C-alpha atoms as a PDB file:
ATOM      1  CA  MET A   1      61.426 -64.126  -1.696  1.00  0.00           C
ATOM      2  CA  SER A   2      61.180 -61.410   1.049  1.00  0.00           C
ATOM      3  CA  VAL A   3      63.714 -59.131   2.598  1.00  0.00           C
ATOM      4  CA  LYS A   4      63.310 -58.244   6.145  1.00  0.00           C
ATOM      5  CA  THR A   5      65.037 -55.550   7.987  1.00  0.00           C
ATOM      6  CA  ARG A   6      65.841 -55.451  11.784  1.00  0.00           C
ATOM      7  CA  VAL A   7      67.781 -53.190  14.092  1.00  0.00           C
ATOM      8  CA  GLN A   8      70.277 -54.712  16.528  1.00  0.00           C
ATOM      9  CA  LEU A   9      73.217 -53.202  18.438  1.00  0.00           C
ATOM     10  CA  SER A  10      76.667 -53.726  17.207  1.00  0.00           C
ATOM     11  CA  SER A  11      79.490 -54.915  19.580  1.00  0.00           C
ATOM     12  CA  THR A  12      80.348 -51.349  20.078  1.00  0.00           C
ATOM     13  CA  GLY A  13      76.708 -50.678  21.131  1.00  0.00           C
ATOM     14  CA  ILE A  14      75.877 -48.576  17.999  1.00  0.00           C
ATOM     15  CA  PRO A  15      72.368 -49.456  16.558  1.00  0.00           C
ATOM     16  CA  GLU A  16      72.722 -51.000  12.929  1.00  0.00           C
ATOM     17  CA  GLU A  17      70.334 -52.293  10.436  1.00  0.00           C
ATOM     18  CA  VAL A  18      70.393 -56.141   9.447  1.00  0.00           C
ATOM     19  CA  ARG A  19      68.657 -57.637   6.456  1.00  0.00           C
ATOM     20  CA  THR A  20      67.678 -61.043   6.209  1.00  0.00           C
ATOM     21  CA  ILE A  21      66.504 -62.765   3.015  1.00  0.00           C
ATOM     22  CA  ASP A  22      63.791 -65.343   3.334  1.00  0.00           C
ATOM     23  CA  ILE A  23      62.888 -67.714   0.566  1.00  0.00           C
ATOM     24  CA  LEU A  24      59.171 -68.284   0.381  1.00  0.00           C
ATOM     25  CA  VAL A  25      57.685 -71.480  -1.303  1.00  0.00           C
ATOM     26  CA  THR A  26      54.126 -71.671  -2.572  1.00  0.00           C
ATOM     27  CA  ASP A  27      52.675 -75.169  -2.767  1.00  0.00           C
ATOM     28  CA  ALA A  28      49.854 -76.627  -4.995  1.00  0.00           C
ATOM     29  CA  ALA A  29      47.245 -75.264  -2.808  1.00  0.00           C
ATOM     30  CA  GLY A  30      48.516 -71.827  -2.870  1.00  0.00           C
ATOM     31  CA  THR A  31      49.873 -71.550   0.567  1.00  0.00           C
ATOM     32  CA  THR A  32      53.168 -69.776   0.971  1.00  0.00           C
ATOM     33  CA  ILE A  33      55.443 -70.771   3.647  1.00  0.00           C
ATOM     34  CA  SER A  34      59.044 -69.813   4.601  1.00  0.00           C
ATOM     35  CA  ILE A  35      61.626 -72.505   3.369  1.00  0.00           C
ATOM     36  CA  ALA A  36      62.840 -72.507   6.893  1.00  0.00           C
ATOM     37  CA  SER A  37      59.591 -74.132   7.811  1.00  0.00           C
ATOM     38  CA  GLN A  38      59.779 -76.759   4.988  1.00  0.00           C
ATOM     39  CA  GLY A  39      61.267 -80.281   5.148  1.00  0.00           C
ATOM     40  CA  SER A  40      65.022 -80.689   4.383  1.00  0.00           C
ATOM     41  CA  GLY A  41      64.059 -82.387   1.091  1.00  0.00           C
ATOM     42  CA  LEU A  42      62.885 -79.273  -0.533  1.00  0.00           C
ATOM     43  CA  CYS A  43      65.989 -77.349   0.696  1.00  0.00           C
ATOM     44  CA  GLU A  44      68.083 -80.134  -0.964  1.00  0.00           C
ATOM     45  CA  ALA A  45      66.186 -80.048  -4.080  1.00  0.00           C
ATOM     46  CA  LEU A  46      66.657 -76.147  -4.292  1.00  0.00           C
ATOM     47  CA  VAL A  47      70.371 -76.614  -3.966  1.00  0.00           C
ATOM     48  CA  LEU A  48      70.449 -79.466  -6.593  1.00  0.00           C
ATOM     49  CA  SER A  49      68.521 -77.127  -8.964  1.00  0.00           C
ATOM     50  CA  VAL A  50      71.298 -74.567  -8.670  1.00  0.00           C
ATOM     51  CA  PHE A  51      73.992 -76.771  -9.546  1.00  0.00           C
ATOM     52  CA  LEU A  52      72.266 -78.489 -12.306  1.00  0.00           C
ATOM     53  CA  ASP A  53      71.080 -75.156 -13.724  1.00  0.00           C
ATOM     54  CA  ASN A  54      74.763 -74.288 -14.325  1.00  0.00           C
ATOM     55  CA  SER A  55      76.231 -77.815 -15.136  1.00  0.00           C
ATOM     56  CA  ALA A  56      77.014 -77.116 -18.882  1.00  0.00           C
ATOM     57  CA  GLY A  57      80.573 -77.664 -19.469  1.00  0.00           C
ATOM     58  CA  ARG A  58      81.274 -78.809 -15.875  1.00  0.00           C
ATOM     59  CA  VAL A  59      81.688 -81.969 -13.924  1.00  0.00           C
ATOM     60  CA  ILE A  60      79.278 -82.121 -11.139  1.00  0.00           C
ATOM     61  CA  LEU A  61      79.935 -84.681  -8.228  1.00  0.00           C
ATOM     62  CA  LEU A  62      76.775 -85.534  -6.074  1.00  0.00           C
ATOM     63  CA  ASP A  63      77.272 -87.569  -2.945  1.00  0.00           C
ATOM     64  CA  GLU A  64      74.067 -89.067  -1.621  1.00  0.00           C
ATOM     65  CA  PRO A  65      71.785 -86.516  -3.227  1.00  0.00           C
ATOM     66  CA  ALA A  66      68.695 -88.701  -2.225  1.00  0.00           C
ATOM     67  CA  ALA A  67      69.311 -88.560   1.388  1.00  0.00           C
ATOM     68  CA  SER A  68      66.251 -86.263   2.157  1.00  0.00           C
ATOM     69  CA  LEU A  69      64.160 -86.706  -0.885  1.00  0.00           C
ATOM     70  CA  HIS A  70      60.857 -88.295  -1.357  1.00  0.00           C
ATOM     71  CA  PRO A  71      61.000 -91.455  -3.421  1.00  0.00           C
ATOM     72  CA  ASN A  72      58.783 -89.863  -6.170  1.00  0.00           C
ATOM     73  CA  MET A  73      61.172 -86.915  -6.114  1.00  0.00           C
ATOM     74  CA  GLN A  74      64.164 -89.332  -6.430  1.00  0.00           C
ATOM     75  CA  HIS A  75      62.656 -90.759  -9.482  1.00  0.00           C
ATOM     76  CA  ARG A  76      62.060 -87.207 -10.937  1.00  0.00           C
ATOM     77  CA  LEU A  77      65.822 -86.411 -10.233  1.00  0.00           C
ATOM     78  CA  VAL A  78      66.798 -89.355 -12.369  1.00  0.00           C
ATOM     79  CA  GLU A  79      65.020 -87.888 -15.291  1.00  0.00           C
ATOM     80  CA  VAL A  80      66.399 -84.417 -14.574  1.00  0.00           C
ATOM     81  CA  LEU A  81      69.922 -85.717 -14.400  1.00  0.00           C
ATOM     82  CA  HIS A  82      69.705 -87.577 -17.522  1.00  0.00           C
ATOM     83  CA  SER A  83      68.697 -84.497 -19.529  1.00  0.00           C
ATOM     84  CA  ALA A  84      71.183 -81.947 -17.655  1.00  0.00           C
ATOM     85  CA  PRO A  85      74.085 -80.722 -19.671  1.00  0.00           C
ATOM     86  CA  GLY A  86      77.604 -81.445 -18.567  1.00  0.00           C
ATOM     87  CA  GLN A  87      78.994 -84.594 -16.899  1.00  0.00           C
ATOM     88  CA  ILE A  88      77.246 -85.823 -13.668  1.00  0.00           C
ATOM     89  CA  LEU A  89      78.632 -88.289 -11.322  1.00  0.00           C
ATOM     90  CA  ILE A  90      76.375 -89.554  -8.222  1.00  0.00           C
ATOM     91  CA  VAL A  91      77.368 -91.796  -5.487  1.00  0.00           C
ATOM     92  CA  THR A  92      74.195 -93.194  -3.796  1.00  0.00           C
ATOM     93  CA  HIS A  93      72.811 -95.927  -1.670  1.00  0.00           C
ATOM     94  CA  SER A  94      69.106 -95.358  -2.858  1.00  0.00           C
ATOM     95  CA  ALA A  95      67.646 -97.795  -5.101  1.00  0.00           C
ATOM     96  CA  HIS A  96      65.170 -95.127  -6.155  1.00  0.00           C
ATOM     97  CA  LEU A  97      68.010 -93.347  -7.998  1.00  0.00           C
ATOM     98  CA  LEU A  98      68.687 -96.141 -10.263  1.00  0.00           C
ATOM     99  CA  PRO A  99      67.196 -95.822 -13.535  1.00  0.00           C
ATOM    100  CA  THR A 100      64.589 -98.292 -14.711  1.00  0.00           C
ATOM    101  CA  ARG A 101      65.370 -98.015 -18.365  1.00  0.00           C
ATOM    102  CA  ALA A 102      67.901-100.440 -19.510  1.00  0.00           C
ATOM    103  CA  ASP A 103      69.770 -98.253 -21.697  1.00  0.00           C
ATOM    104  CA  TRP A 104      70.243 -95.628 -18.950  1.00  0.00           C
ATOM    105  CA  LEU A 105      71.361 -98.678 -16.657  1.00  0.00           C
ATOM    106  CA  GLN A 106      74.537 -98.985 -18.820  1.00  0.00           C
ATOM    107  CA  HIS A 107      75.835 -95.749 -17.004  1.00  0.00           C
ATOM    108  CA  VAL A 108      75.467 -97.427 -13.481  1.00  0.00           C
ATOM    109  CA  TYR A 109      78.554 -98.866 -11.735  1.00  0.00           C
ATOM    110  CA  ARG A 110      78.860-100.944  -8.665  1.00  0.00           C
ATOM    111  CA  PHE A 111      81.887-100.270  -6.303  1.00  0.00           C
ATOM    112  CA  GLN A 112      82.796-103.037  -4.104  1.00  0.00           C
ATOM    113  CA  LYS A 113      85.255-102.851  -1.398  1.00  0.00           C
ATOM    114  CA  GLU A 114      87.247-105.886  -1.006  1.00  0.00           C
ATOM    115  CA  THR A 115      90.411-106.972   0.990  1.00  0.00           C
ATOM    116  CA  ASP A 116      92.805-106.094  -1.791  1.00  0.00           C
ATOM    117  CA  GLY A 117      91.172-102.890  -2.901  1.00  0.00           C
ATOM    118  CA  THR A 118      88.058-101.789  -4.900  1.00  0.00           C
ATOM    119  CA  ARG A 119      86.510-103.604  -7.737  1.00  0.00           C
ATOM    120  CA  ILE A 120      84.047-101.687 -10.160  1.00  0.00           C
ATOM    121  CA  PHE A 121      81.157-103.702 -11.699  1.00  0.00           C
ATOM    122  CA  SER A 122      78.667-102.710 -14.382  1.00  0.00           C
ATOM    123  CA  GLY A 123      76.108-104.468 -16.377  1.00  0.00           C
ATOM    124  CA  GLY A 124      77.962-104.404 -19.765  1.00  0.00           C
ATOM    125  CA  PRO A 125      77.094-107.090 -22.164  1.00  0.00           C
ATOM    126  CA  PHE A 126      74.613-108.720 -19.944  1.00  0.00           C
ATOM    127  CA  LEU A 127      72.373-105.561 -20.092  1.00  0.00           C
ATOM    128  CA  GLN A 128      72.737-105.511 -24.058  1.00  0.00           C
ATOM    129  CA  ALA A 129      71.629-109.167 -24.214  1.00  0.00           C
ATOM    130  CA  GLU A 130      68.683-108.917 -21.857  1.00  0.00           C
ATOM    131  CA  LEU A 131      67.616-105.275 -22.630  1.00  0.00           C
ATOM    132  CA  GLN A 132      63.831-105.926 -22.643  1.00  0.00           C
ATOM    133  CA  LYS A 133      63.786-108.230 -19.638  1.00  0.00           C
ATOM    134  CA  VAL A 134      66.130-106.100 -17.581  1.00  0.00           C
ATOM    135  CA  GLU A 135      63.751-103.084 -18.091  1.00  0.00           C
ATOM    136  CA  ASN A 136      60.657-105.008 -17.248  1.00  0.00           C
ATOM    137  CA  LYS A 137      62.151-106.309 -13.944  1.00  0.00           C
ATOM    138  CA  PHE A 138      63.550-102.874 -12.766  1.00  0.00           C
ATOM    139  CA  ALA A 139      60.410-101.065 -13.877  1.00  0.00           C
ATOM    140  CA  SER A 140      58.002-103.733 -12.187  1.00  0.00           C
ATOM    141  CA  SER A 141      59.606-103.586  -8.548  1.00  0.00           C
ATOM    142  CA  ILE A 142      62.102-101.468  -6.580  1.00  0.00           C
ATOM    143  CA  ASP A 143      63.091-104.907  -4.908  1.00  0.00           C
ATOM    144  CA  VAL A 144      65.249-105.804  -8.060  1.00  0.00           C
ATOM    145  CA  ALA A 145      67.221-102.545  -7.714  1.00  0.00           C
ATOM    146  CA  ASN A 146      67.698-103.101  -4.116  1.00  0.00           C
ATOM    147  CA  LEU A 147      69.634-106.294  -4.789  1.00  0.00           C
ATOM    148  CA  LEU A 148      72.439-104.254  -6.160  1.00  0.00           C
ATOM    149  CA  PHE A 149      72.866-102.581  -2.605  1.00  0.00           C
ATOM    150  CA  THR A 150      73.375-105.819  -0.600  1.00  0.00           C
ATOM    151  CA  ASN A 151      76.161-107.725   0.854  1.00  0.00           C
ATOM    152  CA  GLY A 152      74.676-110.681  -0.692  1.00  0.00           C
ATOM    153  CA  VAL A 153      71.411-112.087  -2.093  1.00  0.00           C
ATOM    154  CA  LEU A 154      69.430-115.488  -1.319  1.00  0.00           C
ATOM    155  CA  LEU A 155      67.312-116.384  -4.373  1.00  0.00           C
ATOM    156  CA  VAL A 156      64.353-118.653  -3.822  1.00  0.00           C
ATOM    157  CA  GLU A 157      61.763-120.048  -6.190  1.00  0.00           C
ATOM    158  CA  GLY A 158      58.416-118.583  -4.965  1.00  0.00           C
ATOM    159  CA  ALA A 159      56.348-116.582  -2.466  1.00  0.00           C
ATOM    160  CA  THR A 160      56.090-119.279   0.332  1.00  0.00           C
ATOM    161  CA  GLU A 161      59.957-119.546   0.600  1.00  0.00           C
ATOM    162  CA  ALA A 162      60.170-115.787   0.660  1.00  0.00           C
ATOM    163  CA  GLY A 163      57.538-115.672   3.467  1.00  0.00           C
ATOM    164  CA  ALA A 164      59.063-118.453   5.694  1.00  0.00           C
ATOM    165  CA  PHE A 165      62.728-118.313   5.262  1.00  0.00           C
ATOM    166  CA  PRO A 166      63.267-114.817   6.736  1.00  0.00           C
ATOM    167  CA  ILE A 167      61.739-116.301   9.958  1.00  0.00           C
ATOM    168  CA  TRP A 168      63.674-119.467  10.085  1.00  0.00           C
ATOM    169  CA  ILE A 169      67.063-118.068   9.121  1.00  0.00           C
ATOM    170  CA  PRO A 170      67.903-116.439  12.602  1.00  0.00           C
ATOM    171  CA  LEU A 171      66.949-119.726  14.150  1.00  0.00           C
ATOM    172  CA  THR A 172      69.633-121.627  12.221  1.00  0.00           C
ATOM    173  CA  GLU A 173      73.148-122.293  13.272  1.00  0.00           C
ATOM    174  CA  LYS A 174      74.644-120.171  10.315  1.00  0.00           C
ATOM    175  CA  GLY A 175      72.064-117.534  11.077  1.00  0.00           C
ATOM    176  CA  LYS A 176      73.442-116.971  14.577  1.00  0.00           C
ATOM    177  CA  GLY A 177      70.262-115.135  15.712  1.00  0.00           C
ATOM    178  CA  GLN A 178      70.711-112.468  13.122  1.00  0.00           C
ATOM    179  CA  THR A 179      67.982-111.423  10.787  1.00  0.00           C
ATOM    180  CA  LEU A 180      68.620-110.916   6.885  1.00  0.00           C
ATOM    181  CA  ALA A 181      68.569-107.191   7.606  1.00  0.00           C
ATOM    182  CA  ASP A 182      71.314-107.636  10.289  1.00  0.00           C
ATOM    183  CA  MET A 183      73.481-109.341   7.572  1.00  0.00           C
ATOM    184  CA  ASN A 184      72.487-106.900   4.853  1.00  0.00           C
ATOM    185  CA  ILE A 185      71.278-109.878   2.870  1.00  0.00           C
ATOM    186  CA  ALA A 186      68.326-109.676   0.557  1.00  0.00           C
ATOM    187  CA  LEU A 187      65.950-112.583  -0.115  1.00  0.00           C
ATOM    188  CA  HIS A 188      64.241-112.369  -3.509  1.00  0.00           C
ATOM    189  CA  ASP A 189      61.410-114.439  -4.914  1.00  0.00           C
ATOM    190  CA  VAL A 190      62.432-114.990  -8.584  1.00  0.00           C
ATOM    191  CA  GLY A 191      58.831-116.176  -9.574  1.00  0.00           C
ATOM    192  CA  GLY A 192      59.636-119.774 -10.652  1.00  0.00           C
ATOM    193  CA  LYS A 193      62.770-121.956 -11.572  1.00  0.00           C
ATOM    194  CA  GLU A 194      62.807-120.766 -15.156  1.00  0.00           C
ATOM    195  CA  ASN A 195      63.987-117.233 -13.898  1.00  0.00           C
ATOM    196  CA  PHE A 196      67.028-118.323 -11.912  1.00  0.00           C
ATOM    197  CA  PRO A 197      69.364-118.035 -14.945  1.00  0.00           C
ATOM    198  CA  PHE A 198      68.270-114.303 -15.453  1.00  0.00           C
ATOM    199  CA  TYR A 199      68.837-113.309 -11.822  1.00  0.00           C
ATOM    200  CA  LEU A 200      72.056-115.235 -11.440  1.00  0.00           C
ATOM    201  CA  ARG A 201      73.344-113.330 -14.670  1.00  0.00           C
ATOM    202  CA  LEU A 202      72.285-110.100 -13.231  1.00  0.00           C
ATOM    203  CA  LEU A 203      73.914-110.537  -9.954  1.00  0.00           C
ATOM    204  CA  LYS A 204      77.290-111.694 -11.716  1.00  0.00           C
ATOM    205  CA  ALA A 205      77.408-108.683 -13.922  1.00  0.00           C
ATOM    206  CA  PHE A 206      77.159-106.349 -10.912  1.00  0.00           C
ATOM    207  CA  GLY A 207      79.485-108.454  -8.616  1.00  0.00           C
ATOM    208  CA  VAL A 208      76.754-109.190  -6.087  1.00  0.00           C
ATOM    209  CA  PRO A 209      77.397-112.387  -3.910  1.00  0.00           C
ATOM    210  CA  TYR A 210      74.727-114.883  -4.142  1.00  0.00           C
ATOM    211  CA  ALA A 211      73.206-118.255  -2.896  1.00  0.00           C
ATOM    212  CA  VAL A 212      70.164-120.172  -4.354  1.00  0.00           C
ATOM    213  CA  ILE A 213      67.710-122.480  -2.860  1.00  0.00           C
ATOM    214  CA  GLY A 214      65.462-124.137  -5.073  1.00  0.00           C
ATOM    215  CA  ASP A 215      63.562-127.587  -5.818  1.00  0.00           C
ATOM    216  CA  GLY A 216      65.643-130.594  -7.115  1.00  0.00           C
ATOM    217  CA  ASP A 217      63.750-130.499 -10.477  1.00  0.00           C
ATOM    218  CA  ALA A 218      65.402-127.143 -11.168  1.00  0.00           C
ATOM    219  CA  ILE A 219      68.807-128.824 -11.730  1.00  0.00           C
ATOM    220  CA  SER A 220      67.450-132.127 -13.053  1.00  0.00           C
ATOM    221  CA  PRO A 221      66.756-133.020 -16.627  1.00  0.00           C
ATOM    222  CA  CYS A 222      63.516-134.775 -15.742  1.00  0.00           C
ATOM    223  CA  TYR A 223      61.139-134.889 -12.695  1.00  0.00           C
ATOM    224  CA  ILE A 224      57.838-136.477 -11.628  1.00  0.00           C
ATOM    225  CA  ASP A 225      55.007-133.823 -11.451  1.00  0.00           C
ATOM    226  CA  LYS A 226      52.077-133.925  -8.777  1.00  0.00           C
ATOM    227  CA  ASN A 227      50.063-136.187 -11.223  1.00  0.00           C
ATOM    228  CA  GLY A 228      52.992-138.783 -11.228  1.00  0.00           C
ATOM    229  CA  ASN A 229      54.041-138.042 -14.873  1.00  0.00           C
ATOM    230  CA  THR A 230      57.543-137.768 -15.961  1.00  0.00           C
ATOM    231  CA  GLN A 231      58.344-134.154 -17.286  1.00  0.00           C
ATOM    232  CA  ARG A 232      61.309-132.753 -19.015  1.00  0.00           C
ATOM    233  CA  ASN A 233      62.966-129.696 -17.562  1.00  0.00           C
ATOM    234  CA  ARG A 234      63.211-127.273 -20.341  1.00  0.00           C
ATOM    235  CA  ASN A 235      65.552-124.970 -18.389  1.00  0.00           C
ATOM    236  CA  PHE A 236      68.252-127.719 -17.633  1.00  0.00           C
ATOM    237  CA  SER A 237      70.740-126.645 -20.048  1.00  0.00           C
ATOM    238  CA  ALA A 238      70.270-122.791 -19.447  1.00  0.00           C
ATOM    239  CA  LEU A 239      70.766-123.137 -15.725  1.00  0.00           C
ATOM    240  CA  TRP A 240      73.705-125.363 -15.787  1.00  0.00           C
ATOM    241  CA  LYS A 241      75.383-123.117 -18.448  1.00  0.00           C
ATOM    242  CA  VAL A 242      74.956-120.135 -15.946  1.00  0.00           C
ATOM    243  CA  LEU A 243      76.231-122.184 -13.087  1.00  0.00           C
ATOM    244  CA  GLN A 244      79.356-122.919 -14.850  1.00  0.00           C
ATOM    245  CA  GLU A 245      79.820-119.411 -15.864  1.00  0.00           C
ATOM    246  CA  LEU A 246      79.660-118.662 -12.247  1.00  0.00           C
ATOM    247  CA  CYS A 247      81.963-121.575 -11.228  1.00  0.00           C
ATOM    248  CA  PRO A 248      84.153-122.644 -14.153  1.00  0.00           C
ATOM    249  CA  THR A 249      85.468-125.635 -11.888  1.00  0.00           C
ATOM    250  CA  ILE A 250      82.231-127.401 -11.917  1.00  0.00           C
ATOM    251  CA  THR A 251      81.744-130.353 -14.422  1.00  0.00           C
ATOM    252  CA  LEU A 252      78.695-129.677 -16.766  1.00  0.00           C
ATOM    253  CA  PRO A 253      76.403-132.756 -15.946  1.00  0.00           C
ATOM    254  CA  GLN A 254      75.058-135.335 -18.185  1.00  0.00           C
ATOM    255  CA  GLU A 255      71.380-136.021 -18.440  1.00  0.00           C
ATOM    256  CA  THR A 256      72.149-139.574 -17.304  1.00  0.00           C
ATOM    257  CA  ASP A 257      74.033-138.534 -14.079  1.00  0.00           C
ATOM    258  CA  PRO A 258      72.394-139.497 -10.722  1.00  0.00           C
ATOM    259  CA  PHE A 259      70.592-136.764  -8.833  1.00  0.00           C
ATOM    260  CA  ALA A 260      73.440-136.838  -6.035  1.00  0.00           C
ATOM    261  CA  VAL A 261      76.024-135.982  -8.696  1.00  0.00           C
ATOM    262  CA  LEU A 262      73.912-133.152  -9.950  1.00  0.00           C
ATOM    263  CA  LYS A 263      73.329-131.871  -6.290  1.00  0.00           C
ATOM    264  CA  LYS A 264      76.840-131.978  -5.457  1.00  0.00           C
ATOM    265  CA  GLU A 265      78.074-129.936  -8.454  1.00  0.00           C
ATOM    266  CA  ALA A 266      75.275-127.401  -8.229  1.00  0.00           C
ATOM    267  CA  ALA A 267      76.216-126.889  -4.388  1.00  0.00           C
ATOM    268  CA  ARG A 268      79.751-126.093  -5.501  1.00  0.00           C
ATOM    269  CA  ALA A 269      78.211-123.128  -7.610  1.00  0.00           C
ATOM    270  CA  GLY A 270      76.229-121.938  -4.671  1.00  0.00           C
ATOM    271  CA  PHE A 271      72.676-123.712  -5.763  1.00  0.00           C
ATOM    272  CA  TYR A 272      71.423-125.801  -2.910  1.00  0.00           C
ATOM    273  CA  THR A 273      68.342-128.209  -3.089  1.00  0.00           C
ATOM    274  CA  TYR A 274      66.512-130.867  -1.224  1.00  0.00           C
ATOM    275  CA  ASP A 275      67.435-134.537  -1.382  1.00  0.00           C
ATOM    276  CA  THR A 276      65.008-135.404  -4.179  1.00  0.00           C
ATOM    277  CA  PRO A 277      64.947-134.529  -7.965  1.00  0.00           C
ATOM    278  CA  ASP A 278      61.126-133.828  -7.922  1.00  0.00           C
ATOM    279  CA  PRO A 279      59.469-130.684  -6.909  1.00  0.00           C
ATOM    280  CA  ILE A 280      58.751-130.243  -3.123  1.00  0.00           C
ATOM    281  CA  ALA A 281      55.859-127.828  -2.392  1.00  0.00           C
ATOM    282  CA  PHE A 282      56.184-125.798   0.728  1.00  0.00           C
ATOM    283  CA  GLU A 283      53.231-127.953   2.391  1.00  0.00           C
ATOM    284  CA  GLY A 284      55.442-130.984   1.334  1.00  0.00           C
ATOM    285  CA  ILE A 285      58.160-130.269   3.750  1.00  0.00           C
ATOM    286  CA  ALA A 286      57.797-132.869   6.433  1.00  0.00           C
ATOM    287  CA  GLY A 287      57.651-130.530   9.238  1.00  0.00           C
ATOM    288  CA  VAL A 288      55.228-128.257   7.694  1.00  0.00           C
ATOM    289  CA  GLN A 289      53.142-131.043   6.626  1.00  0.00           C
ATOM    290  CA  ALA A 290      52.821-132.397  10.131  1.00  0.00           C
ATOM    291  CA  TYR A 291      51.895-128.756  11.315  1.00  0.00           C
ATOM    292  CA  LEU A 292      49.233-128.572   8.885  1.00  0.00           C
ATOM    293  CA  HIS A 293      47.836-131.970   9.580  1.00  0.00           C
ATOM    294  CA  GLY A 294      47.542-131.060  13.270  1.00  0.00           C
ATOM    295  CA  LEU A 295      45.348-128.004  12.730  1.00  0.00           C
ATOM    296  CA  ALA A 296      41.847-127.968  13.978  1.00  0.00           C
ATOM    297  CA  GLN A 297      40.863-127.492  10.391  1.00  0.00           C
ATOM    298  CA  PRO A 298      43.597-129.320   8.484  1.00  0.00           C
ATOM    299  CA  LYS A 299      44.952-127.507   5.493  1.00  0.00           C
ATOM    300  CA  LYS A 300      46.413-129.200   2.399  1.00  0.00           C
ATOM    301  CA  LYS A 301      47.845-126.297   0.347  1.00  0.00           C
ATOM    302  CA  VAL A 302      50.005-123.151   1.272  1.00  0.00           C
ATOM    303  CA  GLU A 303      50.225-120.624  -1.528  1.00  0.00           C
ATOM    304  CA  THR A 304      50.778-117.134  -0.206  1.00  0.00           C
ATOM    305  CA  PHE A 305      53.581-115.306   1.275  1.00  0.00           C
ATOM    306  CA  TYR A 306      51.293-114.420   4.328  1.00  0.00           C
ATOM    307  CA  GLU A 307      50.395-118.108   4.971  1.00  0.00           C
ATOM    308  CA  ALA A 308      53.970-119.313   4.824  1.00  0.00           C
ATOM    309  CA  ARG A 309      55.077-116.494   7.246  1.00  0.00           C
ATOM    310  CA  PHE A 310      52.406-117.377   9.699  1.00  0.00           C
ATOM    311  CA  ILE A 311      53.297-120.971   9.538  1.00  0.00           C
ATOM    312  CA  ALA A 312      56.974-120.327  10.148  1.00  0.00           C
ATOM    313  CA  GLU A 313      56.171-118.192  13.172  1.00  0.00           C
ATOM    314  CA  SER A 314      54.179-121.162  14.645  1.00  0.00           C
ATOM    315  CA  MET A 315      56.731-123.901  14.474  1.00  0.00           C
ATOM    316  CA  PRO A 316      60.418-124.855  14.760  1.00  0.00           C
ATOM    317  CA  VAL A 317      62.441-125.080  11.625  1.00  0.00           C
ATOM    318  CA  PRO A 318      62.028-128.219   9.691  1.00  0.00           C
ATOM    319  CA  PRO A 319      65.173-130.219   9.598  1.00  0.00           C
ATOM    320  CA  LEU A 320      64.972-130.414   5.687  1.00  0.00           C
ATOM    321  CA  ALA A 321      64.617-126.591   5.418  1.00  0.00           C
ATOM    322  CA  LYS A 322      67.397-126.050   8.245  1.00  0.00           C
ATOM    323  CA  LYS A 323      69.929-128.038   6.107  1.00  0.00           C
ATOM    324  CA  VAL A 324      69.516-126.007   2.837  1.00  0.00           C
ATOM    325  CA  LEU A 325      69.314-122.581   4.884  1.00  0.00           C
ATOM    326  CA  ASN A 326      72.599-123.556   6.795  1.00  0.00           C
ATOM    327  CA  HIS A 327      74.257-124.203   3.455  1.00  0.00           C
ATOM    328  CA  ALA A 328      72.845-120.807   1.761  1.00  0.00           C
ATOM    329  CA  ILE A 329      73.647-118.542   4.791  1.00  0.00           C
ATOM    330  CA  GLY A 330      76.976-120.279   5.422  1.00  0.00           C
ATOM    331  CA  ARG A 331      78.129-119.368   1.904  1.00  0.00           C
ATOM    332  CA  LEU A 332      77.043-115.923   1.970  1.00  0.00           C
ATOM    333  CA  ARG A 333      78.809-115.313   5.355  1.00  0.00           C
ATOM    334  CA  SER A 334      82.155-116.970   4.181  1.00  0.00           C
ATOM    335  CA  LEU A 335      82.200-114.474   1.387  1.00  0.00           C
ATOM    336  CA  PRO A 336      84.288-111.274   1.815  1.00  0.00           C
ATOM    337  CA  ASN A 337      82.471-108.493   3.496  1.00  0.00           C
ATOM    338  CA  ARG A 338      81.332-106.326   0.724  1.00  0.00           C
ATOM    339  CA  LYS A 339      79.740-102.879   0.893  1.00  0.00           C
ATOM    340  CA  GLY A 340      79.219-101.453  -2.497  1.00  0.00           C
ATOM    341  CA  THR A 341      77.889 -98.053  -3.763  1.00  0.00           C
ATOM    342  CA  LYS A 342      76.900 -97.208  -7.073  1.00  0.00           C
ATOM    343  CA  ARG A 343      77.653 -94.236  -9.420  1.00  0.00           C
ATOM    344  CA  LYS A 344      75.951 -92.911 -12.451  1.00  0.00           C
END
């Protein structure tokens, strides 16, 4: 800290001394710079440190404390807040301020404004039941925390859907020329059909609207694999149990029910699929298949986000994909406009 004195004339024309205090910050390289020349994040961190240093026995309310903080500083702030004395309440729209430890997530609440008032959601029993898996998911990717800050989430099965669908959605009737970002809808690759139940329960716990697009084998008791062999779906009961939790009016299917019945009931719960109980690879979608065969060097397999995104940008929306995308986006658009915040 430095104190500077300067002389200026008062309103009556009499010279007077004016002292100014300048806070000096020394960085890791040993360079000292005035705080006036530093970024706003450092000033914000300084203010926060003053409040938190005197938080014992007090209730501290912080509104958007991460507005100017670097993501790494936000993660550090989470640790500091957890160890600070007193009670601290935070309102934030930053996923970086959510803790990755499952036990700390117990203190996170999602506020959701609806037409008849504001509802409050928390992880509650779900976090207790899925403690290890929740922590693994939140710690592995900031994308999972981001899901809790959206107006809705579209869950998909793999990377190719995640690459292609954001390109195609604005081109559909329900997309109306808007991107997912325009609608504040997140698209999330769950990494395989066996992970749908976990993500659906996570979104339910925090009150986040959802829609799902998956292959028909996800909702079927059996399916034909790529080698022509009949396989049992080990996640059949688990998925349908969650779908009924989300939509109690659906009827739990029997394994002998025809696929048309399964597809209809799943759609009532927000799970949309193609017109076959068997898996459909991205390159197996009719329009995509025709595009790949028409290349100078025909390609048989599409496996990556990049490849799927490139193909989606190079062709019209295939009718099969357009159908399920219209259902999913139509569902998310029809739900009340919800803008949630979180408190810790």
